[in-house]
Amino acid sequence: MNNKDFISELSQRLGYTHDDAQKMVRSMIDIMCERFQEGDSVTFPNFGTFEVKKRLERIMVNPSTGQRMLVPPKLVLNFKPVASVKEKLKSGGQENG
């Protein structure tokens, strides 16, 4: 599903216009990005948690040349789904019981 499909589905389900749904999604993403820049996590009940984690610097070896390189530390975005979402994915999207 791409962004256009998502906006269309959201507008149909909520009864908003396409433009209003697009503004809502853009606002949500902007707010999430602001929180991530502040180091906060964002949790969606019954879905999961997005959080910023710091990756430490590490040494990497180029397999073709054998040259060792130092990879600097960086921040990465991590997502941890709730248990019910994990179970649905493990079972191929099928509901259990």
PDB file of N, CA and C in Angstrom:
ATOM      1  N   MET A   1       0.861  -1.167   0.000  1.00  0.00           N
ATOM      2  CA  MET A   1       0.000   0.000   0.000  1.00  0.00           C
ATOM      3  C   MET A   1       0.908   1.231   0.000  1.00  0.00           C
ATOM      4  N   ASN A   2       0.700   2.111  -0.934  1.00  0.00           N
ATOM      5  CA  ASN A   2       1.490   3.335  -0.969  1.00  0.00           C
ATOM      6  C   ASN A   2       0.731   4.474  -0.283  1.00  0.00           C
ATOM      7  N   ASN A   3       1.341   5.647  -0.241  1.00  0.00           N
ATOM      8  CA  ASN A   3       0.753   6.788   0.465  1.00  0.00           C
ATOM      9  C   ASN A   3      -0.614   7.168  -0.111  1.00  0.00           C
ATOM     10  N   LYS A   4      -0.725   7.189  -1.432  1.00  0.00           N
ATOM     11  CA  LYS A   4      -1.984   7.572  -2.072  1.00  0.00           C
ATOM     12  C   LYS A   4      -3.111   6.604  -1.698  1.00  0.00           C
ATOM     13  N   ASP A   5      -2.800   5.317  -1.722  1.00  0.00           N
ATOM     14  CA  ASP A   5      -3.789   4.298  -1.341  1.00  0.00           C
ATOM     15  C   ASP A   5      -4.199   4.448   0.120  1.00  0.00           C
ATOM     16  N   PHE A   6      -3.211   4.706   0.988  1.00  0.00           N
ATOM     17  CA  PHE A   6      -3.482   4.871   2.409  1.00  0.00           C
ATOM     18  C   PHE A   6      -4.389   6.069   2.660  1.00  0.00           C
ATOM     19  N   ILE A   7      -4.102   7.195   2.013  1.00  0.00           N
ATOM     20  CA  ILE A   7      -4.913   8.408   2.170  1.00  0.00           C
ATOM     21  C   ILE A   7      -6.338   8.149   1.693  1.00  0.00           C
ATOM     22  N   SER A   8      -6.485   7.464   0.568  1.00  0.00           N
ATOM     23  CA  SER A   8      -7.825   7.156   0.049  1.00  0.00           C
ATOM     24  C   SER A   8      -8.611   6.276   1.014  1.00  0.00           C
ATOM     25  N   GLU A   9      -7.963   5.242   1.528  1.00  0.00           N
ATOM     26  CA  GLU A   9      -8.624   4.339   2.482  1.00  0.00           C
ATOM     27  C   GLU A   9      -9.020   5.074   3.754  1.00  0.00           C
ATOM     28  N   LEU A  10      -8.124   5.903   4.260  1.00  0.00           N
ATOM     29  CA  LEU A  10      -8.394   6.664   5.478  1.00  0.00           C
ATOM     30  C   LEU A  10      -9.563   7.623   5.271  1.00  0.00           C
ATOM     31  N   SER A  11      -9.585   8.315   4.159  1.00  0.00           N
ATOM     32  CA  SER A  11     -10.672   9.274   3.902  1.00  0.00           C
ATOM     33  C   SER A  11     -12.018   8.561   3.767  1.00  0.00           C
ATOM     34  N   GLN A  12     -12.029   7.379   3.151  1.00  0.00           N
ATOM     35  CA  GLN A  12     -13.274   6.620   3.017  1.00  0.00           C
ATOM     36  C   GLN A  12     -13.771   6.102   4.363  1.00  0.00           C
ATOM     37  N   ARG A  13     -12.863   5.563   5.160  1.00  0.00           N
ATOM     38  CA  ARG A  13     -13.264   4.989   6.448  1.00  0.00           C
ATOM     39  C   ARG A  13     -13.745   6.044   7.439  1.00  0.00           C
ATOM     40  N   LEU A  14     -13.114   7.230   7.425  1.00  0.00           N
ATOM     41  CA  LEU A  14     -13.461   8.259   8.401  1.00  0.00           C
ATOM     42  C   LEU A  14     -14.461   9.284   7.877  1.00  0.00           C
ATOM     43  N   GLY A  15     -14.737   9.260   6.590  1.00  0.00           N
ATOM     44  CA  GLY A  15     -15.692  10.196   6.032  1.00  0.00           C
ATOM     45  C   GLY A  15     -15.133  11.599   5.823  1.00  0.00           C
ATOM     46  N   TYR A  16     -13.812  11.717   5.774  1.00  0.00           N
ATOM     47  CA  TYR A  16     -13.180  13.006   5.511  1.00  0.00           C
ATOM     48  C   TYR A  16     -12.913  13.148   4.016  1.00  0.00           C
ATOM     49  N   THR A  17     -12.665  14.379   3.597  1.00  0.00           N
ATOM     50  CA  THR A  17     -12.256  14.578   2.212  1.00  0.00           C
ATOM     51  C   THR A  17     -10.825  14.075   2.051  1.00  0.00           C
ATOM     52  N   HIS A  18     -10.439  13.857   0.814  1.00  0.00           N
ATOM     53  CA  HIS A  18      -9.082  13.386   0.523  1.00  0.00           C
ATOM     54  C   HIS A  18      -8.047  14.385   1.047  1.00  0.00           C
ATOM     55  N   ASP A  19      -8.294  15.673   0.856  1.00  0.00           N
ATOM     56  CA  ASP A  19      -7.361  16.709   1.317  1.00  0.00           C
ATOM     57  C   ASP A  19      -7.260  16.745   2.835  1.00  0.00           C
ATOM     58  N   ASP A  20      -8.385  16.618   3.529  1.00  0.00           N
ATOM     59  CA  ASP A  20      -8.363  16.617   4.996  1.00  0.00           C
ATOM     60  C   ASP A  20      -7.596  15.407   5.536  1.00  0.00           C
ATOM     61  N   ALA A  21      -7.805  14.244   4.922  1.00  0.00           N
ATOM     62  CA  ALA A  21      -7.097  13.036   5.362  1.00  0.00           C
ATOM     63  C   ALA A  21      -5.600  13.193   5.115  1.00  0.00           C
ATOM     64  N   GLN A  22      -5.236  13.800   4.003  1.00  0.00           N
ATOM     65  CA  GLN A  22      -3.823  14.008   3.698  1.00  0.00           C
ATOM     66  C   GLN A  22      -3.182  14.975   4.692  1.00  0.00           C
ATOM     67  N   LYS A  23      -3.897  16.045   5.049  1.00  0.00           N
ATOM     68  CA  LYS A  23      -3.394  16.996   6.048  1.00  0.00           C
ATOM     69  C   LYS A  23      -3.225  16.318   7.407  1.00  0.00           C
ATOM     70  N   MET A  24      -4.163  15.439   7.742  1.00  0.00           N
ATOM     71  CA  MET A  24      -4.108  14.733   9.019  1.00  0.00           C
ATOM     72  C   MET A  24      -2.873  13.832   9.078  1.00  0.00           C
ATOM     73  N   VAL A  25      -2.607  13.102   8.009  1.00  0.00           N
ATOM     74  CA  VAL A  25      -1.452  12.205   7.979  1.00  0.00           C
ATOM     75  C   VAL A  25      -0.157  13.009   8.024  1.00  0.00           C
ATOM     76  N   ARG A  26      -0.089  14.089   7.253  1.00  0.00           N
ATOM     77  CA  ARG A  26       1.111  14.933   7.266  1.00  0.00           C
ATOM     78  C   ARG A  26       1.355  15.521   8.653  1.00  0.00           C
ATOM     79  N   SER A  27       0.298  15.971   9.308  1.00  0.00           N
ATOM     80  CA  SER A  27       0.429  16.533  10.659  1.00  0.00           C
ATOM     81  C   SER A  27       0.915  15.476  11.642  1.00  0.00           C
ATOM     82  N   MET A  28       0.375  14.280  11.528  1.00  0.00           N
ATOM     83  CA  MET A  28       0.774  13.195  12.406  1.00  0.00           C
ATOM     84  C   MET A  28       2.264  12.873  12.214  1.00  0.00           C
ATOM     85  N   ILE A  29       2.712  12.807  10.987  1.00  0.00           N
ATOM     86  CA  ILE A  29       4.116  12.517  10.714  1.00  0.00           C
ATOM     87  C   ILE A  29       5.009  13.640  11.212  1.00  0.00           C
ATOM     88  N   ASP A  30       4.588  14.887  11.024  1.00  0.00           N
ATOM     89  CA  ASP A  30       5.368  16.029  11.516  1.00  0.00           C
ATOM     90  C   ASP A  30       5.519  15.983  13.035  1.00  0.00           C
ATOM     91  N   ILE A  31       4.428  15.685  13.729  1.00  0.00           N
ATOM     92  CA  ILE A  31       4.460  15.599  15.194  1.00  0.00           C
ATOM     93  C   ILE A  31       5.374  14.459  15.639  1.00  0.00           C
ATOM     94  N   MET A  32       5.270  13.311  14.977  1.00  0.00           N
ATOM     95  CA  MET A  32       6.130  12.178  15.326  1.00  0.00           C
ATOM     96  C   MET A  32       7.602  12.538  15.127  1.00  0.00           C
ATOM     97  N   CYS A  33       7.929  13.191  14.016  1.00  0.00           N
ATOM     98  CA  CYS A  33       9.325  13.576  13.746  1.00  0.00           C
ATOM     99  C   CYS A  33       9.840  14.538  14.804  1.00  0.00           C
ATOM    100  N   GLU A  34       9.001  15.471  15.248  1.00  0.00           N
ATOM    101  CA  GLU A  34       9.404  16.398  16.307  1.00  0.00           C
ATOM    102  C   GLU A  34       9.725  15.639  17.587  1.00  0.00           C
ATOM    103  N   ARG A  35       8.898  14.670  17.924  1.00  0.00           N
ATOM    104  CA  ARG A  35       9.112  13.879  19.138  1.00  0.00           C
ATOM    105  C   ARG A  35      10.394  13.049  19.031  1.00  0.00           C
ATOM    106  N   PHE A  36      10.629  12.472  17.857  1.00  0.00           N
ATOM    107  CA  PHE A  36      11.838  11.671  17.660  1.00  0.00           C
ATOM    108  C   PHE A  36      13.084  12.539  17.811  1.00  0.00           C
ATOM    109  N   GLN A  37      13.038  13.764  17.305  1.00  0.00           N
ATOM    110  CA  GLN A  37      14.181  14.663  17.424  1.00  0.00           C
ATOM    111  C   GLN A  37      14.451  15.030  18.879  1.00  0.00           C
ATOM    112  N   GLU A  38      13.409  15.020  19.709  1.00  0.00           N
ATOM    113  CA  GLU A  38      13.570  15.294  21.136  1.00  0.00           C
ATOM    114  C   GLU A  38      13.972  14.041  21.913  1.00  0.00           C
ATOM    115  N   GLY A  39      14.033  12.900  21.219  1.00  0.00           N
ATOM    116  CA  GLY A  39      14.427  11.652  21.870  1.00  0.00           C
ATOM    117  C   GLY A  39      13.280  10.895  22.500  1.00  0.00           C
ATOM    118  N   ASP A  40      12.053  11.346  22.274  1.00  0.00           N
ATOM    119  CA  ASP A  40      10.879  10.675  22.837  1.00  0.00           C
ATOM    120  C   ASP A  40      10.461   9.495  21.972  1.00  0.00           C
ATOM    121  N   SER A  41       9.721   8.566  22.562  1.00  0.00           N
ATOM    122  CA  SER A  41       9.126   7.477  21.802  1.00  0.00           C
ATOM    123  C   SER A  41       7.654   7.797  21.561  1.00  0.00           C
ATOM    124  N   VAL A  42       7.086   7.163  20.542  1.00  0.00           N
ATOM    125  CA  VAL A  42       5.677   7.364  20.199  1.00  0.00           C
ATOM    126  C   VAL A  42       5.004   5.997  20.230  1.00  0.00           C
ATOM    127  N   THR A  43       3.963   5.875  21.060  1.00  0.00           N
ATOM    128  CA  THR A  43       3.265   4.608  21.227  1.00  0.00           C
ATOM    129  C   THR A  43       1.845   4.707  20.695  1.00  0.00           C
ATOM    130  N   PHE A  44       1.463   3.705  19.899  1.00  0.00           N
ATOM    131  CA  PHE A  44       0.092   3.583  19.418  1.00  0.00           C
ATOM    132  C   PHE A  44      -0.503   2.350  20.085  1.00  0.00           C
ATOM    133  N   PRO A  45      -1.539   2.528  20.925  1.00  0.00           N
ATOM    134  CA  PRO A  45      -2.142   1.368  21.586  1.00  0.00           C
ATOM    135  C   PRO A  45      -2.633   0.347  20.554  1.00  0.00           C
ATOM    136  N   ASN A  46      -2.479  -0.917  20.860  1.00  0.00           N
ATOM    137  CA  ASN A  46      -2.885  -2.033  20.005  1.00  0.00           C
ATOM    138  C   ASN A  46      -2.108  -2.091  18.693  1.00  0.00           C
ATOM    139  N   PHE A  47      -0.983  -1.371  18.584  1.00  0.00           N
ATOM    140  CA  PHE A  47      -0.166  -1.410  17.377  1.00  0.00           C
ATOM    141  C   PHE A  47       1.310  -1.593  17.725  1.00  0.00           C
ATOM    142  N   GLY A  48       1.887  -0.618  18.424  1.00  0.00           N
ATOM    143  CA  GLY A  48       3.288  -0.751  18.786  1.00  0.00           C
ATOM    144  C   GLY A  48       3.930   0.575  19.163  1.00  0.00           C
ATOM    145  N   THR A  49       5.246   0.552  19.331  1.00  0.00           N
ATOM    146  CA  THR A  49       5.992   1.723  19.776  1.00  0.00           C
ATOM    147  C   THR A  49       7.138   2.017  18.820  1.00  0.00           C
ATOM    148  N   PHE A  50       7.242   3.277  18.425  1.00  0.00           N
ATOM    149  CA  PHE A  50       8.372   3.761  17.651  1.00  0.00           C
ATOM    150  C   PHE A  50       9.297   4.473  18.619  1.00  0.00           C
ATOM    151  N   GLU A  51      10.586   4.164  18.550  1.00  0.00           N
ATOM    152  CA  GLU A  51      11.528   4.826  19.435  1.00  0.00           C
ATOM    153  C   GLU A  51      12.857   5.040  18.733  1.00  0.00           C
ATOM    154  N   VAL A  52      13.575   6.058  19.183  1.00  0.00           N
ATOM    155  CA  VAL A  52      14.896   6.366  18.645  1.00  0.00           C
ATOM    156  C   VAL A  52      15.932   5.672  19.522  1.00  0.00           C
ATOM    157  N   LYS A  53      16.826   4.930  18.885  1.00  0.00           N
ATOM    158  CA  LYS A  53      17.891   4.251  19.620  1.00  0.00           C
ATOM    159  C   LYS A  53      19.232   4.722  19.076  1.00  0.00           C
ATOM    160  N   LYS A  54      20.216   4.733  19.943  1.00  0.00           N
ATOM    161  CA  LYS A  54      21.553   5.136  19.536  1.00  0.00           C
ATOM    162  C   LYS A  54      22.366   3.893  19.229  1.00  0.00           C
ATOM    163  N   ARG A  55      22.929   3.852  18.018  1.00  0.00           N
ATOM    164  CA  ARG A  55      23.842   2.769  17.657  1.00  0.00           C
ATOM    165  C   ARG A  55      25.251   3.248  17.938  1.00  0.00           C
ATOM    166  N   LEU A  56      26.000   2.459  18.659  1.00  0.00           N
ATOM    167  CA  LEU A  56      27.360   2.813  19.010  1.00  0.00           C
ATOM    168  C   LEU A  56      28.277   2.701  17.799  1.00  0.00           C
ATOM    169  N   GLU A  57      29.431   3.377  17.896  1.00  0.00           N
ATOM    170  CA  GLU A  57      30.386   3.241  16.805  1.00  0.00           C
ATOM    171  C   GLU A  57      30.918   1.818  16.791  1.00  0.00           C
ATOM    172  N   ARG A  58      31.259   1.354  15.598  1.00  0.00           N
ATOM    173  CA  ARG A  58      31.721  -0.018  15.461  1.00  0.00           C
ATOM    174  C   ARG A  58      32.717  -0.111  14.308  1.00  0.00           C
ATOM    175  N   ILE A  59      33.436  -1.191  14.289  1.00  0.00           N
ATOM    176  CA  ILE A  59      34.392  -1.426  13.219  1.00  0.00           C
ATOM    177  C   ILE A  59      33.752  -2.377  12.219  1.00  0.00           C
ATOM    178  N   MET A  60      33.823  -1.990  10.948  1.00  0.00           N
ATOM    179  CA  MET A  60      33.242  -2.784   9.882  1.00  0.00           C
ATOM    180  C   MET A  60      34.363  -3.207   8.940  1.00  0.00           C
ATOM    181  N   VAL A  61      34.263  -4.402   8.381  1.00  0.00           N
ATOM    182  CA  VAL A  61      35.278  -4.885   7.456  1.00  0.00           C
ATOM    183  C   VAL A  61      34.659  -5.005   6.071  1.00  0.00           C
ATOM    184  N   ASN A  62      35.288  -4.373   5.082  1.00  0.00           N
ATOM    185  CA  ASN A  62      34.852  -4.489   3.698  1.00  0.00           C
ATOM    186  C   ASN A  62      35.206  -5.896   3.219  1.00  0.00           C
ATOM    187  N   PRO A  63      34.216  -6.721   2.849  1.00  0.00           N
ATOM    188  CA  PRO A  63      34.499  -8.115   2.512  1.00  0.00           C
ATOM    189  C   PRO A  63      35.381  -8.280   1.262  1.00  0.00           C
ATOM    190  N   SER A  64      35.306  -7.365   0.312  1.00  0.00           N
ATOM    191  CA  SER A  64      36.089  -7.535  -0.907  1.00  0.00           C
ATOM    192  C   SER A  64      37.544  -7.113  -0.744  1.00  0.00           C
ATOM    193  N   THR A  65      37.799  -6.096   0.087  1.00  0.00           N
ATOM    194  CA  THR A  65      39.172  -5.617   0.247  1.00  0.00           C
ATOM    195  C   THR A  65      39.785  -6.017   1.578  1.00  0.00           C
ATOM    196  N   GLY A  66      38.969  -6.376   2.533  1.00  0.00           N
ATOM    197  CA  GLY A  66      39.459  -6.700   3.860  1.00  0.00           C
ATOM    198  C   GLY A  66      39.824  -5.470   4.680  1.00  0.00           C
ATOM    199  N   GLN A  67      39.534  -4.295   4.130  1.00  0.00           N
ATOM    200  CA  GLN A  67      39.861  -3.041   4.820  1.00  0.00           C
ATOM    201  C   GLN A  67      38.898  -2.817   5.976  1.00  0.00           C
ATOM    202  N   ARG A  68      39.459  -2.417   7.107  1.00  0.00           N
ATOM    203  CA  ARG A  68      38.649  -2.133   8.298  1.00  0.00           C
ATOM    204  C   ARG A  68      38.299  -0.658   8.311  1.00  0.00           C
ATOM    205  N   MET A  69      37.039  -0.346   8.650  1.00  0.00           N
ATOM    206  CA  MET A  69      36.578   1.038   8.701  1.00  0.00           C
ATOM    207  C   MET A  69      35.818   1.262   9.993  1.00  0.00           C
ATOM    208  N   LEU A  70      35.919   2.456  10.522  1.00  0.00           N
ATOM    209  CA  LEU A  70      35.186   2.824  11.725  1.00  0.00           C
ATOM    210  C   LEU A  70      33.874   3.476  11.312  1.00  0.00           C
ATOM    211  N   VAL A  71      32.773   2.883  11.732  1.00  0.00           N
ATOM    212  CA  VAL A  71      31.446   3.432  11.449  1.00  0.00           C
ATOM    213  C   VAL A  71      31.055   4.298  12.647  1.00  0.00           C
ATOM    214  N   PRO A  72      30.777   5.587  12.426  1.00  0.00           N
ATOM    215  CA  PRO A  72      30.463   6.478  13.547  1.00  0.00           C
ATOM    216  C   PRO A  72      29.121   6.145  14.203  1.00  0.00           C
ATOM    217  N   PRO A  73      28.917   6.595  15.440  1.00  0.00           N
ATOM    218  CA  PRO A  73      27.622   6.354  16.093  1.00  0.00           C
ATOM    219  C   PRO A  73      26.521   7.120  15.377  1.00  0.00           C
ATOM    220  N   LYS A  74      25.312   6.583  15.446  1.00  0.00           N
ATOM    221  CA  LYS A  74      24.186   7.269  14.819  1.00  0.00           C
ATOM    222  C   LYS A  74      22.888   6.894  15.521  1.00  0.00           C
ATOM    223  N   LEU A  75      21.871   7.693  15.252  1.00  0.00           N
ATOM    224  CA  LEU A  75      20.539   7.423  15.791  1.00  0.00           C
ATOM    225  C   LEU A  75      19.723   6.703  14.735  1.00  0.00           C
ATOM    226  N   VAL A  76      18.976   5.671  15.155  1.00  0.00           N
ATOM    227  CA  VAL A  76      18.126   4.914  14.241  1.00  0.00           C
ATOM    228  C   VAL A  76      16.722   4.811  14.829  1.00  0.00           C
ATOM    229  N   LEU A  77      15.746   4.726  13.959  1.00  0.00           N
ATOM    230  CA  LEU A  77      14.355   4.585  14.387  1.00  0.00           C
ATOM    231  C   LEU A  77      14.026   3.102  14.477  1.00  0.00           C
ATOM    232  N   ASN A  78      13.435   2.700  15.590  1.00  0.00           N
ATOM    233  CA  ASN A  78      13.108   1.305  15.843  1.00  0.00           C
ATOM    234  C   ASN A  78      11.610   1.184  16.098  1.00  0.00           C
ATOM    235  N   PHE A  79      11.016   0.086  15.624  1.00  0.00           N
ATOM    236  CA  PHE A  79       9.599  -0.170  15.873  1.00  0.00           C
ATOM    237  C   PHE A  79       9.461  -1.501  16.579  1.00  0.00           C
ATOM    238  N   LYS A  80       8.682  -1.511  17.654  1.00  0.00           N
ATOM    239  CA  LYS A  80       8.410  -2.738  18.385  1.00  0.00           C
ATOM    240  C   LYS A  80       6.894  -2.937  18.410  1.00  0.00           C
ATOM    241  N   PRO A  81       6.383  -3.924  17.676  1.00  0.00           N
ATOM    242  CA  PRO A  81       4.939  -4.158  17.665  1.00  0.00           C
ATOM    243  C   PRO A  81       4.460  -4.789  18.964  1.00  0.00           C
ATOM    244  N   VAL A  82       3.173  -4.602  19.271  1.00  0.00           N
ATOM    245  CA  VAL A  82       2.585  -5.262  20.435  1.00  0.00           C
ATOM    246  C   VAL A  82       2.447  -6.753  20.132  1.00  0.00           C
ATOM    247  N   ALA A  83       2.262  -7.542  21.169  1.00  0.00           N
ATOM    248  CA  ALA A  83       2.224  -9.000  21.024  1.00  0.00           C
ATOM    249  C   ALA A  83       1.139  -9.466  20.057  1.00  0.00           C
ATOM    250  N   SER A  84      -0.026  -8.819  20.071  1.00  0.00           N
ATOM    251  CA  SER A  84      -1.115  -9.271  19.192  1.00  0.00           C
ATOM    252  C   SER A  84      -0.757  -9.068  17.718  1.00  0.00           C
ATOM    253  N   VAL A  85      -0.060  -7.990  17.411  1.00  0.00           N
ATOM    254  CA  VAL A  85       0.364  -7.753  16.020  1.00  0.00           C
ATOM    255  C   VAL A  85       1.427  -8.776  15.621  1.00  0.00           C
ATOM    256  N   LYS A  86       2.350  -9.069  16.525  1.00  0.00           N
ATOM    257  CA  LYS A  86       3.379 -10.082  16.256  1.00  0.00           C
ATOM    258  C   LYS A  86       2.734 -11.422  15.939  1.00  0.00           C
ATOM    259  N   GLU A  87       1.745 -11.797  16.733  1.00  0.00           N
ATOM    260  CA  GLU A  87       1.079 -13.086  16.536  1.00  0.00           C
ATOM    261  C   GLU A  87       0.355 -13.138  15.195  1.00  0.00           C
ATOM    262  N   LYS A  88      -0.300 -12.038  14.828  1.00  0.00           N
ATOM    263  CA  LYS A  88      -0.981 -12.007  13.527  1.00  0.00           C
ATOM    264  C   LYS A  88       0.007 -12.172  12.390  1.00  0.00           C
ATOM    265  N   LEU A  89       1.166 -11.545  12.503  1.00  0.00           N
ATOM    266  CA  LEU A  89       2.185 -11.664  11.465  1.00  0.00           C
ATOM    267  C   LEU A  89       2.766 -13.072  11.409  1.00  0.00           C
ATOM    268  N   LYS A  90       2.974 -13.675  12.565  1.00  0.00           N
ATOM    269  CA  LYS A  90       3.516 -15.031  12.611  1.00  0.00           C
ATOM    270  C   LYS A  90       2.561 -16.036  11.979  1.00  0.00           C
ATOM    271  N   SER A  91       1.271 -15.802  12.166  1.00  0.00           N
ATOM    272  CA  SER A  91       0.288 -16.745  11.623  1.00  0.00           C
ATOM    273  C   SER A  91      -0.134 -16.374  10.214  1.00  0.00           C
ATOM    274  N   GLY A  92       0.607 -15.511   9.554  1.00  0.00           N
ATOM    275  CA  GLY A  92       0.295 -15.147   8.177  1.00  0.00           C
ATOM    276  C   GLY A  92      -0.882 -14.215   8.041  1.00  0.00           C
ATOM    277  N   GLY A  93      -1.197 -13.469   9.086  1.00  0.00           N
ATOM    278  CA  GLY A  93      -2.307 -12.517   9.036  1.00  0.00           C
ATOM    279  C   GLY A  93      -3.644 -13.130   9.414  1.00  0.00           C
ATOM    280  N   GLN A  94      -3.654 -14.408   9.731  1.00  0.00           N
ATOM    281  CA  GLN A  94      -4.892 -15.093  10.082  1.00  0.00           C
ATOM    282  C   GLN A  94      -5.153 -14.961  11.575  1.00  0.00           C
ATOM    283  N   GLU A  95      -6.396 -14.725  11.939  1.00  0.00           N
ATOM    284  CA  GLU A  95      -6.786 -14.662  13.362  1.00  0.00           C
ATOM    285  C   GLU A  95      -6.742 -16.055  13.964  1.00  0.00           C
ATOM    286  N   ASN A  96      -6.213 -16.141  15.171  1.00  0.00           N
ATOM    287  CA  ASN A  96      -6.207 -17.435  15.872  1.00  0.00           C
ATOM    288  C   ASN A  96      -7.446 -17.545  16.752  1.00  0.00           C
ATOM    289  N   GLY A  97      -8.199 -18.647  16.573  1.00  0.00           N
ATOM    290  CA  GLY A  97      -9.329 -18.943  17.437  1.00  0.00           C
ATOM    291  C   GLY A  97     -10.393 -17.990  17.292  1.00  0.00           C
TER     292      GLY A  97
END
